[in-house]
């Protein structure tokens, strides 16, 4: 018992072996800034509006 510093208490996440994983690497395109996506969305919304 010649340790002079107390071990830091583990959190529950650490006890069960949780590893925070970052987001997957690679280019992430900004989905809603794609004009093609915007056009498709507006078309779908218009169809929903017409149907209901």
PDB file of N, CA and C in Angstrom:
ATOM      1  N   UNK A   1       0.832  -1.201   0.000  1.00  0.00           N
ATOM      2  CA  UNK A   1       0.000   0.000   0.000  1.00  0.00           C
ATOM      3  C   UNK A   1       0.865   1.248   0.000  1.00  0.00           C
ATOM      4  N   UNK A   2       1.895   1.254  -0.814  1.00  0.00           N
ATOM      5  CA  UNK A   2       2.766   2.432  -0.814  1.00  0.00           C
ATOM      6  C   UNK A   2       2.417   3.395  -1.939  1.00  0.00           C
ATOM      7  N   UNK A   3       1.207   3.265  -2.454  1.00  0.00           N
ATOM      8  CA  UNK A   3       0.773   4.227  -3.470  1.00  0.00           C
ATOM      9  C   UNK A   3       0.343   5.511  -2.782  1.00  0.00           C
ATOM     10  N   UNK A   4       0.800   6.634  -3.307  1.00  0.00           N
ATOM     11  CA  UNK A   4       0.437   7.892  -2.661  1.00  0.00           C
ATOM     12  C   UNK A   4      -0.706   8.594  -3.381  1.00  0.00           C
ATOM     13  N   UNK A   5      -1.133   8.038  -4.506  1.00  0.00           N
ATOM     14  CA  UNK A   5      -2.266   8.666  -5.186  1.00  0.00           C
ATOM     15  C   UNK A   5      -3.383   7.638  -5.323  1.00  0.00           C
ATOM     16  N   UNK A   6      -4.603   8.102  -5.102  1.00  0.00           N
ATOM     17  CA  UNK A   6      -5.750   7.206  -5.210  1.00  0.00           C
ATOM     18  C   UNK A   6      -6.070   6.988  -6.682  1.00  0.00           C
ATOM     19  N   UNK A   7      -6.468   5.763  -7.027  1.00  0.00           N
ATOM     20  CA  UNK A   7      -6.856   5.489  -8.404  1.00  0.00           C
ATOM     21  C   UNK A   7      -8.163   6.215  -8.696  1.00  0.00           C
ATOM     22  N   UNK A   8      -8.258   6.778  -9.880  1.00  0.00           N
ATOM     23  CA  UNK A   8      -9.479   7.496 -10.249  1.00  0.00           C
ATOM     24  C   UNK A   8     -10.623   6.498 -10.347  1.00  0.00           C
ATOM     25  N   UNK A   9     -11.785   6.815  -9.782  1.00  0.00           N
ATOM     26  CA  UNK A   9     -12.918   5.883  -9.883  1.00  0.00           C
ATOM     27  C   UNK A   9     -13.384   5.766 -11.330  1.00  0.00           C
ATOM     28  N   UNK A  10     -13.690   4.541 -11.710  1.00  0.00           N
ATOM     29  CA  UNK A  10     -14.156   4.326 -13.084  1.00  0.00           C
ATOM     30  C   UNK A  10     -15.634   4.669 -13.192  1.00  0.00           C
ATOM     31  N   UNK A  11     -16.000   5.223 -14.321  1.00  0.00           N
ATOM     32  CA  UNK A  11     -17.423   5.440 -14.567  1.00  0.00           C
ATOM     33  C   UNK A  11     -18.023   4.115 -15.016  1.00  0.00           C
ATOM     34  N   UNK A  12     -19.344   4.014 -14.989  1.00  0.00           N
ATOM     35  CA  UNK A  12     -19.997   2.782 -15.434  1.00  0.00           C
ATOM     36  C   UNK A  12     -19.654   2.477 -16.880  1.00  0.00           C
ATOM     37  N   UNK A  13     -19.567   3.521 -17.693  1.00  0.00           N
ATOM     38  CA  UNK A  13     -19.244   3.323 -19.102  1.00  0.00           C
ATOM     39  C   UNK A  13     -17.878   2.656 -19.235  1.00  0.00           C
ATOM     40  N   UNK A  14     -16.916   3.110 -18.431  1.00  0.00           N
ATOM     41  CA  UNK A  14     -15.578   2.529 -18.496  1.00  0.00           C
ATOM     42  C   UNK A  14     -15.592   1.093 -17.988  1.00  0.00           C
ATOM     43  N   UNK A  15     -16.383   0.826 -16.948  1.00  0.00           N
ATOM     44  CA  UNK A  15     -16.438  -0.520 -16.383  1.00  0.00           C
ATOM     45  C   UNK A  15     -16.915  -1.537 -17.408  1.00  0.00           C
ATOM     46  N   UNK A  16     -17.911  -1.163 -18.202  1.00  0.00           N
ATOM     47  CA  UNK A  16     -18.450  -2.127 -19.168  1.00  0.00           C
ATOM     48  C   UNK A  16     -17.688  -2.094 -20.481  1.00  0.00           C
ATOM     49  N   UNK A  17     -16.645  -1.267 -20.554  1.00  0.00           N
ATOM     50  CA  UNK A  17     -15.779  -1.278 -21.725  1.00  0.00           C
ATOM     51  C   UNK A  17     -16.277  -0.429 -22.868  1.00  0.00           C
ATOM     52  N   UNK A  18     -17.016   0.626 -22.547  1.00  0.00           N
ATOM     53  CA  UNK A  18     -17.516   1.500 -23.611  1.00  0.00           C
ATOM     54  C   UNK A  18     -16.380   2.284 -24.231  1.00  0.00           C
ATOM     55  N   UNK A  19     -16.299   2.260 -25.569  1.00  0.00           N
ATOM     56  CA  UNK A  19     -15.309   3.063 -26.275  1.00  0.00           C
ATOM     57  C   UNK A  19     -16.060   4.078 -27.124  1.00  0.00           C
ATOM     58  N   UNK A  20     -15.877   5.369 -26.854  1.00  0.00           N
ATOM     59  CA  UNK A  20     -16.545   6.334 -27.721  1.00  0.00           C
ATOM     60  C   UNK A  20     -15.962   6.253 -29.125  1.00  0.00           C
ATOM     61  N   UNK A  21     -16.800   5.965 -30.080  1.00  0.00           N
ATOM     62  CA  UNK A  21     -16.316   5.858 -31.455  1.00  0.00           C
ATOM     63  C   UNK A  21     -16.698   7.115 -32.211  1.00  0.00           C
ATOM     64  N   UNK A  22     -15.749   7.659 -32.922  1.00  0.00           N
ATOM     65  CA  UNK A  22     -16.017   8.852 -33.707  1.00  0.00           C
ATOM     66  C   UNK A  22     -16.829   8.517 -34.932  1.00  0.00           C
ATOM     67  N   UNK A  23     -17.188   9.528 -35.665  1.00  0.00           N
ATOM     68  CA  UNK A  23     -17.922   9.289 -36.905  1.00  0.00           C
ATOM     69  C   UNK A  23     -16.999   8.648 -37.923  1.00  0.00           C
ATOM     70  N   UNK A  24     -17.581   7.943 -38.846  1.00  0.00           N
ATOM     71  CA  UNK A  24     -16.787   7.261 -39.856  1.00  0.00           C
ATOM     72  C   UNK A  24     -16.030   8.293 -40.699  1.00  0.00           C
ATOM     73  N   UNK A  25     -14.792   7.991 -41.039  1.00  0.00           N
ATOM     74  CA  UNK A  25     -14.049   8.925 -41.882  1.00  0.00           C
ATOM     75  C   UNK A  25     -14.594   8.938 -43.303  1.00  0.00           C
ATOM     76  N   UNK A  26     -14.284   9.974 -44.020  1.00  0.00           N
ATOM     77  CA  UNK A  26     -14.740  10.070 -45.401  1.00  0.00           C
ATOM     78  C   UNK A  26     -15.489  11.358 -45.624  1.00  0.00           C
ATOM     79  N   UNK A  27     -15.635  11.755 -46.874  1.00  0.00           N
ATOM     80  CA  UNK A  27     -16.318  13.013 -47.163  1.00  0.00           C
ATOM     81  C   UNK A  27     -17.800  12.906 -46.824  1.00  0.00           C
ATOM     82  N   UNK A  28     -18.314  13.877 -46.116  1.00  0.00           N
ATOM     83  CA  UNK A  28     -19.741  13.909 -45.820  1.00  0.00           C
ATOM     84  C   UNK A  28     -20.345  15.081 -46.567  1.00  0.00           C
ATOM     85  N   UNK A  29     -21.166  14.785 -47.542  1.00  0.00           N
ATOM     86  CA  UNK A  29     -21.772  15.860 -48.319  1.00  0.00           C
ATOM     87  C   UNK A  29     -22.914  16.447 -47.514  1.00  0.00           C
ATOM     88  N   UNK A  30     -23.119  17.724 -47.636  1.00  0.00           N
ATOM     89  CA  UNK A  30     -24.214  18.375 -46.933  1.00  0.00           C
ATOM     90  C   UNK A  30     -25.490  18.062 -47.716  1.00  0.00           C
ATOM     91  N   UNK A  31     -26.281  17.142 -47.186  1.00  0.00           N
ATOM     92  CA  UNK A  31     -27.380  16.542 -47.938  1.00  0.00           C
ATOM     93  C   UNK A  31     -28.393  17.575 -48.417  1.00  0.00           C
ATOM     94  N   UNK A  32     -28.813  18.473 -47.524  1.00  0.00           N
ATOM     95  CA  UNK A  32     -29.890  19.386 -47.891  1.00  0.00           C
ATOM     96  C   UNK A  32     -29.420  20.562 -48.744  1.00  0.00           C
ATOM     97  N   UNK A  33     -28.116  20.653 -48.996  1.00  0.00           N
ATOM     98  CA  UNK A  33     -27.656  21.723 -49.882  1.00  0.00           C
ATOM     99  C   UNK A  33     -27.528  21.240 -51.322  1.00  0.00           C
ATOM    100  N   UNK A  34     -27.875  19.975 -51.556  1.00  0.00           N
ATOM    101  CA  UNK A  34     -27.796  19.411 -52.900  1.00  0.00           C
ATOM    102  C   UNK A  34     -29.064  19.811 -53.664  1.00  0.00           C
ATOM    103  N   UNK A  35     -28.922  20.598 -54.744  1.00  0.00           N
ATOM    104  CA  UNK A  35     -30.124  21.057 -55.468  1.00  0.00           C
ATOM    105  C   UNK A  35     -30.991  19.905 -55.970  1.00  0.00           C
ATOM    106  N   UNK A  36     -30.346  18.782 -56.327  1.00  0.00           N
ATOM    107  CA  UNK A  36     -31.100  17.623 -56.805  1.00  0.00           C
ATOM    108  C   UNK A  36     -32.002  17.086 -55.692  1.00  0.00           C
ATOM    109  N   UNK A  37     -31.459  17.037 -54.493  1.00  0.00           N
ATOM    110  CA  UNK A  37     -32.217  16.541 -53.342  1.00  0.00           C
ATOM    111  C   UNK A  37     -33.374  17.481 -53.036  1.00  0.00           C
ATOM    112  N   UNK A  38     -33.106  18.774 -53.085  1.00  0.00           N
ATOM    113  CA  UNK A  38     -34.140  19.767 -52.786  1.00  0.00           C
ATOM    114  C   UNK A  38     -35.297  19.641 -53.777  1.00  0.00           C
ATOM    115  N   UNK A  39     -34.961  19.479 -55.063  1.00  0.00           N
ATOM    116  CA  UNK A  39     -35.995  19.363 -56.089  1.00  0.00           C
ATOM    117  C   UNK A  39     -36.841  18.110 -55.849  1.00  0.00           C
ATOM    118  N   UNK A  40     -36.170  16.999 -55.536  1.00  0.00           N
ATOM    119  CA  UNK A  40     -36.888  15.752 -55.311  1.00  0.00           C
ATOM    120  C   UNK A  40     -37.804  15.876 -54.097  1.00  0.00           C
ATOM    121  N   UNK A  41     -37.315  16.581 -53.072  1.00  0.00           N
ATOM    122  CA  UNK A  41     -38.102  16.746 -51.850  1.00  0.00           C
ATOM    123  C   UNK A  41     -39.340  17.594 -52.119  1.00  0.00           C
ATOM    124  N   UNK A  42     -39.160  18.657 -52.867  1.00  0.00           N
ATOM    125  CA  UNK A  42     -40.301  19.524 -53.157  1.00  0.00           C
ATOM    126  C   UNK A  42     -41.347  18.778 -53.972  1.00  0.00           C
ATOM    127  N   UNK A  43     -40.870  17.953 -54.915  1.00  0.00           N
ATOM    128  CA  UNK A  43     -41.791  17.167 -55.730  1.00  0.00           C
ATOM    129  C   UNK A  43     -42.587  16.201 -54.851  1.00  0.00           C
ATOM    130  N   UNK A  44     -41.892  15.548 -53.924  1.00  0.00           N
ATOM    131  CA  UNK A  44     -42.557  14.598 -53.030  1.00  0.00           C
ATOM    132  C   UNK A  44     -43.557  15.316 -52.133  1.00  0.00           C
ATOM    133  N   UNK A  45     -43.180  16.476 -51.626  1.00  0.00           N
ATOM    134  CA  UNK A  45     -44.085  17.234 -50.762  1.00  0.00           C
ATOM    135  C   UNK A  45     -45.321  17.678 -51.538  1.00  0.00           C
ATOM    136  N   UNK A  46     -45.121  18.063 -52.796  1.00  0.00           N
ATOM    137  CA  UNK A  46     -46.247  18.491 -53.625  1.00  0.00           C
ATOM    138  C   UNK A  46     -47.208  17.318 -53.851  1.00  0.00           C
ATOM    139  N   UNK A  47     -46.653  16.129 -54.086  1.00  0.00           N
ATOM    140  CA  UNK A  47     -47.493  14.948 -54.289  1.00  0.00           C
ATOM    141  C   UNK A  47     -48.271  14.617 -53.018  1.00  0.00           C
ATOM    142  N   UNK A  48     -47.610  14.734 -51.866  1.00  0.00           N
ATOM    143  CA  UNK A  48     -48.289  14.476 -50.598  1.00  0.00           C
ATOM    144  C   UNK A  48     -49.421  15.482 -50.392  1.00  0.00           C
ATOM    145  N   UNK A  49     -49.148  16.724 -50.747  1.00  0.00           N
ATOM    146  CA  UNK A  49     -50.135  17.781 -50.576  1.00  0.00           C
ATOM    147  C   UNK A  49     -51.344  17.510 -51.479  1.00  0.00           C
ATOM    148  N   UNK A  50     -51.065  17.060 -52.706  1.00  0.00           N
ATOM    149  CA  UNK A  50     -52.139  16.789 -53.652  1.00  0.00           C
ATOM    150  C   UNK A  50     -52.948  15.563 -53.208  1.00  0.00           C
ATOM    151  N   UNK A  51     -52.274  14.597 -52.618  1.00  0.00           N
ATOM    152  CA  UNK A  51     -52.946  13.361 -52.220  1.00  0.00           C
ATOM    153  C   UNK A  51     -53.813  13.577 -50.980  1.00  0.00           C
ATOM    154  N   UNK A  52     -53.331  14.407 -50.064  1.00  0.00           N
ATOM    155  CA  UNK A  52     -54.060  14.543 -48.818  1.00  0.00           C
ATOM    156  C   UNK A  52     -54.704  15.891 -48.700  1.00  0.00           C
TER     157      UNK A  52
END
